[in-house]
Amino acid sequence: MKLSFILNDVPTRVEIEPFDLLADVLRDRLGLTGTKKGCGQGECGACTVIVDGKAVNSCMVPAARVEGCRVVTIEGLKTAGKPHPIQQAFIDAGAVQCGFCTPGLIMTAVEIVGTGKRYNRDELRKLISGHLCRCTGYENILNAMERIVEETYKVVGK
């Protein structure tokens, strides 16, 4: 069956099988390997992408469900050859170590920032609770997220 959706702002059509998962289609059929496959059970967050503005575990989403949707992967965050501001915040805060969990955490940060709301550290900790990171201890990740949320909040002015 053919799947049609907007992928990283590009209209995309791809042949899928009825039970294909979004993570597999992104990685294996479309070559977007920034979306990591970790647990395959929606527990680690490594496969997080944005579907119509919401962060989802793509290993749990049947690909057919994104028909007509807007999907953004880590590859879709490019900005004129520079890191996206959220990616830069992670770099500046030293929140990237092995990098396996980073794309999923950044995509969750995209959703969080997209709300335009101000979150405190405890709230951010809860919002990323679906992500497993073995390297960082989460403190630098939370530092990065606090910084980008605060910067966005100031720009939005809420």
Foldseek 3Di string as FASTA:
>chain_A
DWAWEQELNRTDIDDDDQQDFQLCCVCPVVPNPQQDDDPLPLQAQLRWKAKQLDTGRRSPHRRNVNRHIYIYFCVSQDDPNDGRLLVVLCVVLVVQDVSSSVRRLSNLLSSVLVVLDQDDLVRVCVSCVSHDDDPDPCPSSSSSSNVSSVVSNVVVVD
